């Protein structure tokens, strides 16, 4: 097993290089980067100035170009656009290996500092979502499998399918309109109130919980149906297997056959999905964070793509890709713990 996981860890390196070099190359060809933004701002300032008519000033780069060729060349050197893609990528990768994710081209702050500020928020929602989803969906799936085609099964199926039909961010908008705007029961967004620092400890906890409930419901809504039905259908398949009927024929009660035999085998698909959710736990959903104005990793990634803030985009890609690959390895570990038949050689 040790040799297997060493091989998997070694595969992380070429996979990481392949992912990052592909995205790095794409950022070079997508229009609207930092240089284009600076030129557009300079052109706008020139047009607003005295006598601005869209013509370049002294030493400008030509009609409609507010910057001279020397200024453009200096910008290329500053942002690293003066070198070939492969050379620039190797320079960037060398900095990443030293722990330097670069500096934002939009806010000029270190990328790691921007990410570090938002990790606790996304981790907070990610951990809560995972605990609720696994803590509710597994027992609910077991109950639905045991009571298949009963009124309980039919009613819960209707409810969870209705929830699955509505995207989490759409449900977030609906909850904001209904409970925040119309009924004024919950805040319109954010993580804390304006006077959070003046509150007592109990009031702070209550305020955070008050701001957490609606976004948390929106987060849970998406994965709730998938996990519940996965648990139900897998358990039903195992309940119809020969080994369960044999266990019952040997004298075990139906309940003992479920929890001693069928349940453990039914948890294998759940364990497979657990590791893949590691990156989602941290990255969150940018649409839900946008709707509720939660300043987490998802919103940071969304804004960095919109603003063409490529160092931040690459910094988030580094973290998310590493988490995803390590999550796949963790999935293998979870499967090995649940399924005794699995032996990595």
C-alpha atoms as a PDB file:
ATOM      1  CA  UNK A   1       0.000   0.000   0.000  1.00  0.00           C
ATOM      2  CA  UNK A   2       2.858   2.374   0.774  1.00  0.00           C
ATOM      3  CA  UNK A   3       4.336   1.908  -2.704  1.00  0.00           C
ATOM      4  CA  UNK A   4       0.937   2.609  -4.265  1.00  0.00           C
ATOM      5  CA  UNK A   5       0.513   5.920  -2.482  1.00  0.00           C
ATOM      6  CA  UNK A   6       4.094   6.927  -3.281  1.00  0.00           C
ATOM      7  CA  UNK A   7       3.335   6.387  -6.974  1.00  0.00           C
ATOM      8  CA  UNK A   8       0.146   8.409  -6.652  1.00  0.00           C
ATOM      9  CA  UNK A   9       2.013  11.248  -4.977  1.00  0.00           C
ATOM     10  CA  UNK A  10       4.643  11.201  -7.721  1.00  0.00           C
ATOM     11  CA  UNK A  11       1.883  11.505 -10.323  1.00  0.00           C
ATOM     12  CA  UNK A  12       0.786  14.747  -8.664  1.00  0.00           C
ATOM     13  CA  UNK A  13       3.843  16.520 -10.101  1.00  0.00           C
ATOM     14  CA  UNK A  14       3.245  15.978 -13.867  1.00  0.00           C
ATOM     15  CA  UNK A  15      -0.510  16.466 -13.408  1.00  0.00           C
ATOM     16  CA  UNK A  16       0.045  19.759 -11.609  1.00  0.00           C
ATOM     17  CA  UNK A  17       2.464  20.949 -14.302  1.00  0.00           C
ATOM     18  CA  UNK A  18       0.023  19.998 -17.057  1.00  0.00           C
ATOM     19  CA  UNK A  19      -2.908  21.825 -15.460  1.00  0.00           C
ATOM     20  CA  UNK A  20      -1.016  24.985 -14.602  1.00  0.00           C
ATOM     21  CA  UNK A  21       0.883  25.331 -17.893  1.00  0.00           C
ATOM     22  CA  UNK A  22      -2.364  24.988 -19.849  1.00  0.00           C
ATOM     23  CA  UNK A  23      -4.145  27.704 -17.847  1.00  0.00           C
ATOM     24  CA  UNK A  24      -1.000  29.873 -17.846  1.00  0.00           C
ATOM     25  CA  UNK A  25      -0.890  29.735 -21.650  1.00  0.00           C
ATOM     26  CA  UNK A  26      -4.596  30.576 -21.904  1.00  0.00           C
ATOM     27  CA  UNK A  27      -4.135  33.696 -19.770  1.00  0.00           C
ATOM     28  CA  UNK A  28      -1.583  34.974 -22.280  1.00  0.00           C
ATOM     29  CA  UNK A  29      -4.036  34.891 -25.179  1.00  0.00           C
ATOM     30  CA  UNK A  30      -7.240  36.047 -23.452  1.00  0.00           C
ATOM     31  CA  UNK A  31      -7.845  39.761 -24.169  1.00  0.00           C
ATOM     32  CA  UNK A  32      -8.477  42.317 -21.442  1.00  0.00           C
ATOM     33  CA  UNK A  33      -5.382  41.695 -19.324  1.00  0.00           C
ATOM     34  CA  UNK A  34      -3.581  44.187 -17.062  1.00  0.00           C
ATOM     35  CA  UNK A  35      -1.859  45.993 -19.941  1.00  0.00           C
ATOM     36  CA  UNK A  36      -5.107  46.464 -21.850  1.00  0.00           C
ATOM     37  CA  UNK A  37      -6.754  47.744 -18.670  1.00  0.00           C
ATOM     38  CA  UNK A  38      -4.004  50.292 -18.060  1.00  0.00           C
ATOM     39  CA  UNK A  39      -4.150  51.484 -21.679  1.00  0.00           C
ATOM     40  CA  UNK A  40      -7.949  51.782 -21.498  1.00  0.00           C
ATOM     41  CA  UNK A  41      -7.736  53.794 -18.256  1.00  0.00           C
ATOM     42  CA  UNK A  42      -5.083  56.072 -19.747  1.00  0.00           C
ATOM     43  CA  UNK A  43      -7.199  56.585 -22.858  1.00  0.00           C
ATOM     44  CA  UNK A  44     -10.211  57.448 -20.702  1.00  0.00           C
ATOM     45  CA  UNK A  45      -8.199  59.940 -18.652  1.00  0.00           C
ATOM     46  CA  UNK A  46      -6.833  61.463 -21.858  1.00  0.00           C
ATOM     47  CA  UNK A  47     -10.333  61.874 -23.278  1.00  0.00           C
ATOM     48  CA  UNK A  48     -11.527  63.555 -20.061  1.00  0.00           C
ATOM     49  CA  UNK A  49      -8.541  65.942 -19.977  1.00  0.00           C
ATOM     50  CA  UNK A  50      -8.368  69.418 -21.488  1.00  0.00           C
ATOM     51  CA  UNK A  51      -8.683  69.154 -25.242  1.00  0.00           C
ATOM     52  CA  UNK A  52      -8.878  65.347 -25.098  1.00  0.00           C
ATOM     53  CA  UNK A  53      -9.891  64.169 -28.524  1.00  0.00           C
ATOM     54  CA  UNK A  54      -8.588  60.636 -28.628  1.00  0.00           C
ATOM     55  CA  UNK A  55      -5.152  61.624 -30.005  1.00  0.00           C
ATOM     56  CA  UNK A  56      -1.894  60.682 -28.364  1.00  0.00           C
ATOM     57  CA  UNK A  57       0.072  63.357 -26.585  1.00  0.00           C
ATOM     58  CA  UNK A  58       3.770  64.102 -27.015  1.00  0.00           C
ATOM     59  CA  UNK A  59       5.715  60.906 -27.342  1.00  0.00           C
ATOM     60  CA  UNK A  60       2.499  58.857 -27.659  1.00  0.00           C
ATOM     61  CA  UNK A  61       2.232  55.669 -29.587  1.00  0.00           C
ATOM     62  CA  UNK A  62       0.039  57.017 -32.388  1.00  0.00           C
ATOM     63  CA  UNK A  63      -3.580  57.972 -32.957  1.00  0.00           C
ATOM     64  CA  UNK A  64      -5.781  56.767 -30.126  1.00  0.00           C
ATOM     65  CA  UNK A  65      -2.794  55.352 -28.204  1.00  0.00           C
ATOM     66  CA  UNK A  66      -2.182  57.290 -24.954  1.00  0.00           C
ATOM     67  CA  UNK A  67       1.084  55.486 -24.106  1.00  0.00           C
ATOM     68  CA  UNK A  68       4.376  55.619 -25.926  1.00  0.00           C
ATOM     69  CA  UNK A  69       6.138  52.531 -27.215  1.00  0.00           C
ATOM     70  CA  UNK A  70       8.736  52.834 -24.448  1.00  0.00           C
ATOM     71  CA  UNK A  71       5.995  52.888 -21.805  1.00  0.00           C
ATOM     72  CA  UNK A  72       4.332  49.826 -23.319  1.00  0.00           C
ATOM     73  CA  UNK A  73       7.649  47.979 -23.396  1.00  0.00           C
ATOM     74  CA  UNK A  74       8.235  48.806 -19.727  1.00  0.00           C
ATOM     75  CA  UNK A  75       4.763  47.472 -18.907  1.00  0.00           C
ATOM     76  CA  UNK A  76       5.552  44.243 -20.765  1.00  0.00           C
ATOM     77  CA  UNK A  77       8.742  43.846 -18.748  1.00  0.00           C
ATOM     78  CA  UNK A  78       6.921  44.619 -15.476  1.00  0.00           C
ATOM     79  CA  UNK A  79       4.176  42.035 -16.089  1.00  0.00           C
ATOM     80  CA  UNK A  80       6.522  39.486 -17.665  1.00  0.00           C
ATOM     81  CA  UNK A  81       4.962  39.634 -21.127  1.00  0.00           C
ATOM     82  CA  UNK A  82       8.311  40.326 -22.807  1.00  0.00           C
ATOM     83  CA  UNK A  83       9.410  36.671 -22.524  1.00  0.00           C
ATOM     84  CA  UNK A  84       8.190  33.501 -24.290  1.00  0.00           C
ATOM     85  CA  UNK A  85       5.368  31.605 -22.584  1.00  0.00           C
ATOM     86  CA  UNK A  86       7.533  28.668 -21.524  1.00  0.00           C
ATOM     87  CA  UNK A  87      10.201  30.935 -20.030  1.00  0.00           C
ATOM     88  CA  UNK A  88       7.595  32.969 -18.152  1.00  0.00           C
ATOM     89  CA  UNK A  89       5.942  29.791 -16.892  1.00  0.00           C
ATOM     90  CA  UNK A  90       9.215  28.380 -15.575  1.00  0.00           C
ATOM     91  CA  UNK A  91       9.931  31.674 -13.795  1.00  0.00           C
ATOM     92  CA  UNK A  92       6.435  31.617 -12.281  1.00  0.00           C
ATOM     93  CA  UNK A  93       6.793  27.959 -11.265  1.00  0.00           C
ATOM     94  CA  UNK A  94      10.121  28.694  -9.608  1.00  0.00           C
ATOM     95  CA  UNK A  95       8.470  31.392  -7.497  1.00  0.00           C
ATOM     96  CA  UNK A  96       5.602  29.051  -6.587  1.00  0.00           C
ATOM     97  CA  UNK A  97       8.054  26.412  -5.375  1.00  0.00           C
ATOM     98  CA  UNK A  98       9.521  29.074  -3.080  1.00  0.00           C
ATOM     99  CA  UNK A  99       6.052  29.914  -1.725  1.00  0.00           C
ATOM    100  CA  UNK A 100       5.616  33.127  -3.738  1.00  0.00           C
ATOM    101  CA  UNK A 101       2.318  33.218  -5.647  1.00  0.00           C
ATOM    102  CA  UNK A 102       3.038  36.656  -7.053  1.00  0.00           C
ATOM    103  CA  UNK A 103       1.284  39.990  -6.666  1.00  0.00           C
ATOM    104  CA  UNK A 104      -2.196  40.984  -7.808  1.00  0.00           C
ATOM    105  CA  UNK A 105      -2.259  43.136 -10.945  1.00  0.00           C
ATOM    106  CA  UNK A 106      -5.531  44.685  -9.800  1.00  0.00           C
ATOM    107  CA  UNK A 107      -4.910  45.515  -6.132  1.00  0.00           C
ATOM    108  CA  UNK A 108      -1.092  45.108  -6.036  1.00  0.00           C
ATOM    109  CA  UNK A 109      -1.333  42.979  -2.892  1.00  0.00           C
ATOM    110  CA  UNK A 110       0.490  39.640  -2.455  1.00  0.00           C
ATOM    111  CA  UNK A 111      -1.705  36.864  -3.815  1.00  0.00           C
ATOM    112  CA  UNK A 112      -1.124  34.587  -0.831  1.00  0.00           C
ATOM    113  CA  UNK A 113      -2.218  37.329   1.575  1.00  0.00           C
ATOM    114  CA  UNK A 114      -5.455  37.804  -0.405  1.00  0.00           C
ATOM    115  CA  UNK A 115      -6.137  34.060  -0.405  1.00  0.00           C
ATOM    116  CA  UNK A 116      -5.155  33.599   3.246  1.00  0.00           C
ATOM    117  CA  UNK A 117      -7.730  36.166   4.374  1.00  0.00           C
ATOM    118  CA  UNK A 118     -10.545  34.274   2.662  1.00  0.00           C
ATOM    119  CA  UNK A 119      -9.646  30.673   3.478  1.00  0.00           C
ATOM    120  CA  UNK A 120     -11.291  30.668   6.969  1.00  0.00           C
ATOM    121  CA  UNK A 121     -14.621  31.894   5.531  1.00  0.00           C
ATOM    122  CA  UNK A 122     -14.801  29.269   2.785  1.00  0.00           C
ATOM    123  CA  UNK A 123     -13.530  26.586   5.157  1.00  0.00           C
ATOM    124  CA  UNK A 124     -16.226  27.537   7.669  1.00  0.00           C
ATOM    125  CA  UNK A 125     -19.037  27.051   5.164  1.00  0.00           C
ATOM    126  CA  UNK A 126     -17.381  24.021   3.560  1.00  0.00           C
ATOM    127  CA  UNK A 127     -16.990  22.087   6.814  1.00  0.00           C
ATOM    128  CA  UNK A 128     -20.521  22.917   7.971  1.00  0.00           C
ATOM    129  CA  UNK A 129     -21.961  21.881   4.598  1.00  0.00           C
ATOM    130  CA  UNK A 130     -20.058  18.590   4.619  1.00  0.00           C
ATOM    131  CA  UNK A 131     -21.116  17.739   8.178  1.00  0.00           C
ATOM    132  CA  UNK A 132     -24.763  18.481   7.447  1.00  0.00           C
ATOM    133  CA  UNK A 133     -24.828  16.656   4.115  1.00  0.00           C
ATOM    134  CA  UNK A 134     -23.187  13.485   5.401  1.00  0.00           C
ATOM    135  CA  UNK A 135     -24.890  13.652   8.795  1.00  0.00           C
ATOM    136  CA  UNK A 136     -28.387  13.920   7.279  1.00  0.00           C
ATOM    137  CA  UNK A 137     -28.148  12.206   3.890  1.00  0.00           C
ATOM    138  CA  UNK A 138     -26.745   8.880   5.140  1.00  0.00           C
ATOM    139  CA  UNK A 139     -29.482   8.274   7.773  1.00  0.00           C
ATOM    140  CA  UNK A 140     -32.138   9.605   5.382  1.00  0.00           C
ATOM    141  CA  UNK A 141     -30.923   7.340   2.581  1.00  0.00           C
ATOM    142  CA  UNK A 142     -30.994   4.338   4.941  1.00  0.00           C
ATOM    143  CA  UNK A 143     -34.535   5.188   6.067  1.00  0.00           C
ATOM    144  CA  UNK A 144     -35.702   5.604   2.459  1.00  0.00           C
ATOM    145  CA  UNK A 145     -34.153   2.283   1.421  1.00  0.00           C
ATOM    146  CA  UNK A 146     -35.770   0.393   4.318  1.00  0.00           C
ATOM    147  CA  UNK A 147     -39.132   2.097   3.728  1.00  0.00           C
ATOM    148  CA  UNK A 148     -39.039   1.963  -0.067  1.00  0.00           C
ATOM    149  CA  UNK A 149     -42.336   3.013  -1.705  1.00  0.00           C
ATOM    150  CA  UNK A 150     -43.876   3.989   1.612  1.00  0.00           C
ATOM    151  CA  UNK A 151     -45.485   7.384   2.175  1.00  0.00           C
ATOM    152  CA  UNK A 152     -42.310   8.576   3.902  1.00  0.00           C
ATOM    153  CA  UNK A 153     -40.201   7.583   0.888  1.00  0.00           C
ATOM    154  CA  UNK A 154     -42.546   9.219  -1.608  1.00  0.00           C
ATOM    155  CA  UNK A 155     -42.923  12.483   0.308  1.00  0.00           C
ATOM    156  CA  UNK A 156     -39.182  12.883   0.956  1.00  0.00           C
ATOM    157  CA  UNK A 157     -38.433  12.060  -2.697  1.00  0.00           C
ATOM    158  CA  UNK A 158     -40.720  14.855  -3.853  1.00  0.00           C
ATOM    159  CA  UNK A 159     -39.087  17.313  -1.447  1.00  0.00           C
ATOM    160  CA  UNK A 160     -35.479  16.482  -2.324  1.00  0.00           C
ATOM    161  CA  UNK A 161     -36.179  16.463  -6.076  1.00  0.00           C
ATOM    162  CA  UNK A 162     -37.784  19.895  -5.790  1.00  0.00           C
ATOM    163  CA  UNK A 163     -34.639  21.070  -4.022  1.00  0.00           C
ATOM    164  CA  UNK A 164     -32.429  19.474  -6.679  1.00  0.00           C
ATOM    165  CA  UNK A 165     -34.345  21.222  -9.475  1.00  0.00           C
ATOM    166  CA  UNK A 166     -33.461  24.639  -8.051  1.00  0.00           C
ATOM    167  CA  UNK A 167     -29.765  25.679  -8.238  1.00  0.00           C
ATOM    168  CA  UNK A 168     -28.285  26.771  -4.930  1.00  0.00           C
ATOM    169  CA  UNK A 169     -27.681  30.361  -6.003  1.00  0.00           C
ATOM    170  CA  UNK A 170     -31.257  30.674  -7.344  1.00  0.00           C
ATOM    171  CA  UNK A 171     -32.583  29.380  -4.040  1.00  0.00           C
ATOM    172  CA  UNK A 172     -30.327  31.946  -2.336  1.00  0.00           C
ATOM    173  CA  UNK A 173     -31.874  34.783  -4.333  1.00  0.00           C
ATOM    174  CA  UNK A 174     -35.374  33.525  -3.544  1.00  0.00           C
ATOM    175  CA  UNK A 175     -34.590  33.246   0.177  1.00  0.00           C
ATOM    176  CA  UNK A 176     -33.089  36.748   0.218  1.00  0.00           C
ATOM    177  CA  UNK A 177     -36.173  38.219  -1.448  1.00  0.00           C
ATOM    178  CA  UNK A 178     -38.611  36.344   0.795  1.00  0.00           C
ATOM    179  CA  UNK A 179     -36.934  36.211   4.204  1.00  0.00           C
ATOM    180  CA  UNK A 180     -34.615  39.232   4.062  1.00  0.00           C
ATOM    181  CA  UNK A 181     -36.267  41.814   1.851  1.00  0.00           C
ATOM    182  CA  UNK A 182     -39.968  41.127   2.395  1.00  0.00           C
ATOM    183  CA  UNK A 183     -40.073  39.624   5.906  1.00  0.00           C
ATOM    184  CA  UNK A 184     -36.854  41.183   7.290  1.00  0.00           C
ATOM    185  CA  UNK A 185     -36.000  38.029   9.241  1.00  0.00           C
ATOM    186  CA  UNK A 186     -32.421  37.622   8.008  1.00  0.00           C
ATOM    187  CA  UNK A 187     -29.684  40.015   6.785  1.00  0.00           C
ATOM    188  CA  UNK A 188     -29.252  40.754   3.092  1.00  0.00           C
ATOM    189  CA  UNK A 189     -25.682  39.485   3.046  1.00  0.00           C
ATOM    190  CA  UNK A 190     -22.254  39.530   4.613  1.00  0.00           C
ATOM    191  CA  UNK A 191     -20.894  37.543   7.521  1.00  0.00           C
ATOM    192  CA  UNK A 192     -21.406  39.922  10.439  1.00  0.00           C
ATOM    193  CA  UNK A 193     -23.389  43.035  11.352  1.00  0.00           C
ATOM    194  CA  UNK A 194     -22.007  46.574  11.339  1.00  0.00           C
ATOM    195  CA  UNK A 195     -21.635  46.715  15.136  1.00  0.00           C
ATOM    196  CA  UNK A 196     -20.112  43.247  15.482  1.00  0.00           C
ATOM    197  CA  UNK A 197     -17.043  44.437  17.427  1.00  0.00           C
ATOM    198  CA  UNK A 198     -19.215  46.053  20.107  1.00  0.00           C
ATOM    199  CA  UNK A 199     -21.180  42.847  20.843  1.00  0.00           C
ATOM    200  CA  UNK A 200     -20.656  40.391  23.659  1.00  0.00           C
ATOM    201  CA  UNK A 201     -19.389  36.875  22.937  1.00  0.00           C
ATOM    202  CA  UNK A 202     -22.892  35.368  22.964  1.00  0.00           C
ATOM    203  CA  UNK A 203     -24.201  38.134  20.709  1.00  0.00           C
ATOM    204  CA  UNK A 204     -21.312  37.564  18.266  1.00  0.00           C
ATOM    205  CA  UNK A 205     -22.081  33.851  18.054  1.00  0.00           C
ATOM    206  CA  UNK A 206     -25.758  34.565  17.495  1.00  0.00           C
ATOM    207  CA  UNK A 207     -24.960  37.205  14.861  1.00  0.00           C
ATOM    208  CA  UNK A 208     -22.672  34.847  12.908  1.00  0.00           C
ATOM    209  CA  UNK A 209     -25.320  32.101  13.065  1.00  0.00           C
ATOM    210  CA  UNK A 210     -27.937  34.616  11.883  1.00  0.00           C
ATOM    211  CA  UNK A 211     -25.797  35.489   8.849  1.00  0.00           C
ATOM    212  CA  UNK A 212     -24.865  31.836   8.226  1.00  0.00           C
ATOM    213  CA  UNK A 213     -28.258  30.140   7.980  1.00  0.00           C
ATOM    214  CA  UNK A 214     -29.443  31.240   4.519  1.00  0.00           C
ATOM    215  CA  UNK A 215     -26.085  30.758   2.715  1.00  0.00           C
ATOM    216  CA  UNK A 216     -25.695  27.381   4.411  1.00  0.00           C
ATOM    217  CA  UNK A 217     -29.107  26.264   3.143  1.00  0.00           C
ATOM    218  CA  UNK A 218     -28.106  27.323  -0.358  1.00  0.00           C
ATOM    219  CA  UNK A 219     -24.840  25.361  -0.090  1.00  0.00           C
ATOM    220  CA  UNK A 220     -26.534  22.203   1.197  1.00  0.00           C
ATOM    221  CA  UNK A 221     -29.313  22.228  -1.372  1.00  0.00           C
ATOM    222  CA  UNK A 222     -27.146  21.195  -4.319  1.00  0.00           C
ATOM    223  CA  UNK A 223     -25.497  18.053  -2.964  1.00  0.00           C
ATOM    224  CA  UNK A 224     -28.306  16.952  -0.645  1.00  0.00           C
ATOM    225  CA  UNK A 225     -30.306  15.035  -3.264  1.00  0.00           C
ATOM    226  CA  UNK A 226     -27.323  13.296  -4.875  1.00  0.00           C
ATOM    227  CA  UNK A 227     -25.944  11.948  -1.610  1.00  0.00           C
ATOM    228  CA  UNK A 228     -29.353  10.814  -0.319  1.00  0.00           C
ATOM    229  CA  UNK A 229     -30.294   8.910  -3.465  1.00  0.00           C
ATOM    230  CA  UNK A 230     -26.799   7.451  -3.781  1.00  0.00           C
ATOM    231  CA  UNK A 231     -27.062   6.073  -0.257  1.00  0.00           C
ATOM    232  CA  UNK A 232     -30.596   4.762  -0.837  1.00  0.00           C
ATOM    233  CA  UNK A 233     -29.966   3.080  -4.194  1.00  0.00           C
ATOM    234  CA  UNK A 234     -26.678   1.491  -3.112  1.00  0.00           C
ATOM    235  CA  UNK A 235     -28.224   0.099   0.058  1.00  0.00           C
ATOM    236  CA  UNK A 236     -31.205  -1.261  -1.857  1.00  0.00           C
ATOM    237  CA  UNK A 237     -28.862  -3.085  -4.252  1.00  0.00           C
ATOM    238  CA  UNK A 238     -27.044  -4.662  -1.331  1.00  0.00           C
ATOM    239  CA  UNK A 239     -30.279  -5.608   0.443  1.00  0.00           C
ATOM    240  CA  UNK A 240     -31.184  -7.699  -2.591  1.00  0.00           C
ATOM    241  CA  UNK A 241     -27.814  -9.438  -2.681  1.00  0.00           C
ATOM    242  CA  UNK A 242     -27.370 -13.118  -1.846  1.00  0.00           C
ATOM    243  CA  UNK A 243     -25.163 -12.536   1.185  1.00  0.00           C
ATOM    244  CA  UNK A 244     -27.872 -10.504   2.930  1.00  0.00           C
ATOM    245  CA  UNK A 245     -30.508 -13.171   2.288  1.00  0.00           C
ATOM    246  CA  UNK A 246     -28.072 -15.794   3.526  1.00  0.00           C
ATOM    247  CA  UNK A 247     -27.439 -13.800   6.712  1.00  0.00           C
ATOM    248  CA  UNK A 248     -31.180 -13.533   7.354  1.00  0.00           C
ATOM    249  CA  UNK A 249     -31.637 -17.262   6.632  1.00  0.00           C
ATOM    250  CA  UNK A 250     -28.971 -18.071   9.218  1.00  0.00           C
ATOM    251  CA  UNK A 251     -30.938 -16.331  11.926  1.00  0.00           C
ATOM    252  CA  UNK A 252     -29.935 -12.667  11.828  1.00  0.00           C
ATOM    253  CA  UNK A 253     -32.740 -10.173  12.037  1.00  0.00           C
ATOM    254  CA  UNK A 254     -33.322  -7.860   9.082  1.00  0.00           C
ATOM    255  CA  UNK A 255     -31.977  -4.919  11.088  1.00  0.00           C
ATOM    256  CA  UNK A 256     -28.804  -6.805  12.012  1.00  0.00           C
ATOM    257  CA  UNK A 257     -28.272  -7.846   8.388  1.00  0.00           C
ATOM    258  CA  UNK A 258     -28.467  -4.195   7.338  1.00  0.00           C
ATOM    259  CA  UNK A 259     -26.123  -2.690   9.880  1.00  0.00           C
ATOM    260  CA  UNK A 260     -23.641  -5.579  10.111  1.00  0.00           C
ATOM    261  CA  UNK A 261     -23.336  -6.424   6.427  1.00  0.00           C
ATOM    262  CA  UNK A 262     -25.208  -4.328   3.850  1.00  0.00           C
ATOM    263  CA  UNK A 263     -24.457  -0.882   5.275  1.00  0.00           C
ATOM    264  CA  UNK A 264     -20.670  -1.171   5.133  1.00  0.00           C
ATOM    265  CA  UNK A 265     -20.717  -2.172   1.469  1.00  0.00           C
ATOM    266  CA  UNK A 266     -23.177   0.630   0.732  1.00  0.00           C
ATOM    267  CA  UNK A 267     -20.781   3.213   2.154  1.00  0.00           C
ATOM    268  CA  UNK A 268     -18.161   2.491  -0.538  1.00  0.00           C
ATOM    269  CA  UNK A 269     -19.582   4.993  -3.115  1.00  0.00           C
ATOM    270  CA  UNK A 270     -19.999   7.554  -0.328  1.00  0.00           C
ATOM    271  CA  UNK A 271     -16.341   7.092   0.630  1.00  0.00           C
ATOM    272  CA  UNK A 272     -15.317   7.501  -2.998  1.00  0.00           C
ATOM    273  CA  UNK A 273     -16.998  10.916  -3.165  1.00  0.00           C
ATOM    274  CA  UNK A 274     -15.589  12.115   0.148  1.00  0.00           C
ATOM    275  CA  UNK A 275     -12.069  12.817  -1.085  1.00  0.00           C
ATOM    276  CA  UNK A 276     -13.319  14.575  -4.202  1.00  0.00           C
ATOM    277  CA  UNK A 277     -15.212  17.029  -2.000  1.00  0.00           C
ATOM    278  CA  UNK A 278     -12.033  18.286  -0.311  1.00  0.00           C
ATOM    279  CA  UNK A 279     -11.386  21.001  -2.905  1.00  0.00           C
ATOM    280  CA  UNK A 280     -15.067  21.959  -2.872  1.00  0.00           C
ATOM    281  CA  UNK A 281     -14.941  22.351   0.913  1.00  0.00           C
ATOM    282  CA  UNK A 282     -12.332  25.098   0.548  1.00  0.00           C
ATOM    283  CA  UNK A 283     -13.262  26.695  -2.769  1.00  0.00           C
ATOM    284  CA  UNK A 284     -16.997  26.983  -2.113  1.00  0.00           C
ATOM    285  CA  UNK A 285     -19.405  28.302  -4.752  1.00  0.00           C
ATOM    286  CA  UNK A 286     -18.668  31.667  -6.340  1.00  0.00           C
ATOM    287  CA  UNK A 287     -22.322  32.187  -7.328  1.00  0.00           C
ATOM    288  CA  UNK A 288     -23.611  31.633  -3.781  1.00  0.00           C
ATOM    289  CA  UNK A 289     -20.859  33.832  -2.344  1.00  0.00           C
ATOM    290  CA  UNK A 290     -21.704  36.494  -4.912  1.00  0.00           C
ATOM    291  CA  UNK A 291     -25.409  36.397  -4.046  1.00  0.00           C
ATOM    292  CA  UNK A 292     -24.821  36.629  -0.292  1.00  0.00           C
ATOM    293  CA  UNK A 293     -21.784  38.936  -0.568  1.00  0.00           C
ATOM    294  CA  UNK A 294     -19.556  36.465   1.271  1.00  0.00           C
ATOM    295  CA  UNK A 295     -15.917  37.352   0.797  1.00  0.00           C
ATOM    296  CA  UNK A 296     -14.621  33.807   0.412  1.00  0.00           C
ATOM    297  CA  UNK A 297     -12.406  31.913  -2.012  1.00  0.00           C
ATOM    298  CA  UNK A 298     -15.195  31.432  -4.540  1.00  0.00           C
ATOM    299  CA  UNK A 299     -15.933  35.154  -4.787  1.00  0.00           C
ATOM    300  CA  UNK A 300     -12.223  35.940  -5.006  1.00  0.00           C
ATOM    301  CA  UNK A 301     -11.839  33.510  -7.909  1.00  0.00           C
ATOM    302  CA  UNK A 302     -14.867  34.971  -9.684  1.00  0.00           C
ATOM    303  CA  UNK A 303     -13.651  38.542  -9.337  1.00  0.00           C
ATOM    304  CA  UNK A 304     -10.119  37.637 -10.416  1.00  0.00           C
ATOM    305  CA  UNK A 305     -11.433  36.061 -13.630  1.00  0.00           C
ATOM    306  CA  UNK A 306     -13.697  39.037 -14.370  1.00  0.00           C
ATOM    307  CA  UNK A 307     -10.887  41.530 -13.659  1.00  0.00           C
ATOM    308  CA  UNK A 308      -8.329  39.419 -15.582  1.00  0.00           C
ATOM    309  CA  UNK A 309      -6.212  39.347 -12.432  1.00  0.00           C
ATOM    310  CA  UNK A 310      -4.077  36.470 -13.676  1.00  0.00           C
ATOM    311  CA  UNK A 311      -1.714  36.084 -10.684  1.00  0.00           C
ATOM    312  CA  UNK A 312      -4.729  35.579  -8.412  1.00  0.00           C
ATOM    313  CA  UNK A 313      -6.295  33.175 -10.919  1.00  0.00           C
ATOM    314  CA  UNK A 314      -3.095  31.118 -11.003  1.00  0.00           C
ATOM    315  CA  UNK A 315      -2.727  31.258  -7.210  1.00  0.00           C
ATOM    316  CA  UNK A 316      -6.238  29.881  -6.697  1.00  0.00           C
ATOM    317  CA  UNK A 317      -5.588  27.267  -9.377  1.00  0.00           C
ATOM    318  CA  UNK A 318      -2.470  26.099  -7.521  1.00  0.00           C
ATOM    319  CA  UNK A 319      -4.408  25.538  -4.305  1.00  0.00           C
ATOM    320  CA  UNK A 320      -7.526  24.019  -5.882  1.00  0.00           C
ATOM    321  CA  UNK A 321      -5.631  21.631  -8.172  1.00  0.00           C
ATOM    322  CA  UNK A 322      -3.409  20.370  -5.344  1.00  0.00           C
ATOM    323  CA  UNK A 323      -6.431  19.872  -3.089  1.00  0.00           C
ATOM    324  CA  UNK A 324      -8.297  18.012  -5.830  1.00  0.00           C
ATOM    325  CA  UNK A 325      -5.407  15.639  -6.502  1.00  0.00           C
ATOM    326  CA  UNK A 326      -4.802  15.003  -2.812  1.00  0.00           C
ATOM    327  CA  UNK A 327      -8.550  14.482  -2.439  1.00  0.00           C
ATOM    328  CA  UNK A 328      -8.424  11.689  -5.011  1.00  0.00           C
ATOM    329  CA  UNK A 329      -5.741   9.974  -2.962  1.00  0.00           C
ATOM    330  CA  UNK A 330      -7.836  10.460   0.168  1.00  0.00           C
ATOM    331  CA  UNK A 331     -10.757   8.806  -1.639  1.00  0.00           C
ATOM    332  CA  UNK A 332      -8.620   5.713  -2.170  1.00  0.00           C
ATOM    333  CA  UNK A 333      -7.772   5.680   1.537  1.00  0.00           C
ATOM    334  CA  UNK A 334     -11.454   5.954   2.481  1.00  0.00           C
ATOM    335  CA  UNK A 335     -12.395   3.122   0.131  1.00  0.00           C
ATOM    336  CA  UNK A 336      -9.653   0.924   1.594  1.00  0.00           C
ATOM    337  CA  UNK A 337     -10.937   1.608   5.113  1.00  0.00           C
ATOM    338  CA  UNK A 338     -14.544   0.770   4.212  1.00  0.00           C
ATOM    339  CA  UNK A 339     -13.982  -2.124   1.824  1.00  0.00           C
ATOM    340  CA  UNK A 340     -11.721  -4.873   3.247  1.00  0.00           C
ATOM    341  CA  UNK A 341     -11.459  -6.420  -0.237  1.00  0.00           C
ATOM    342  CA  UNK A 342      -9.366  -3.481  -1.468  1.00  0.00           C
ATOM    343  CA  UNK A 343      -5.627  -4.046  -1.219  1.00  0.00           C
ATOM    344  CA  UNK A 344      -3.224  -1.654  -2.941  1.00  0.00           C
ATOM    345  CA  UNK A 345      -0.219  -3.518  -4.281  1.00  0.00           C
END
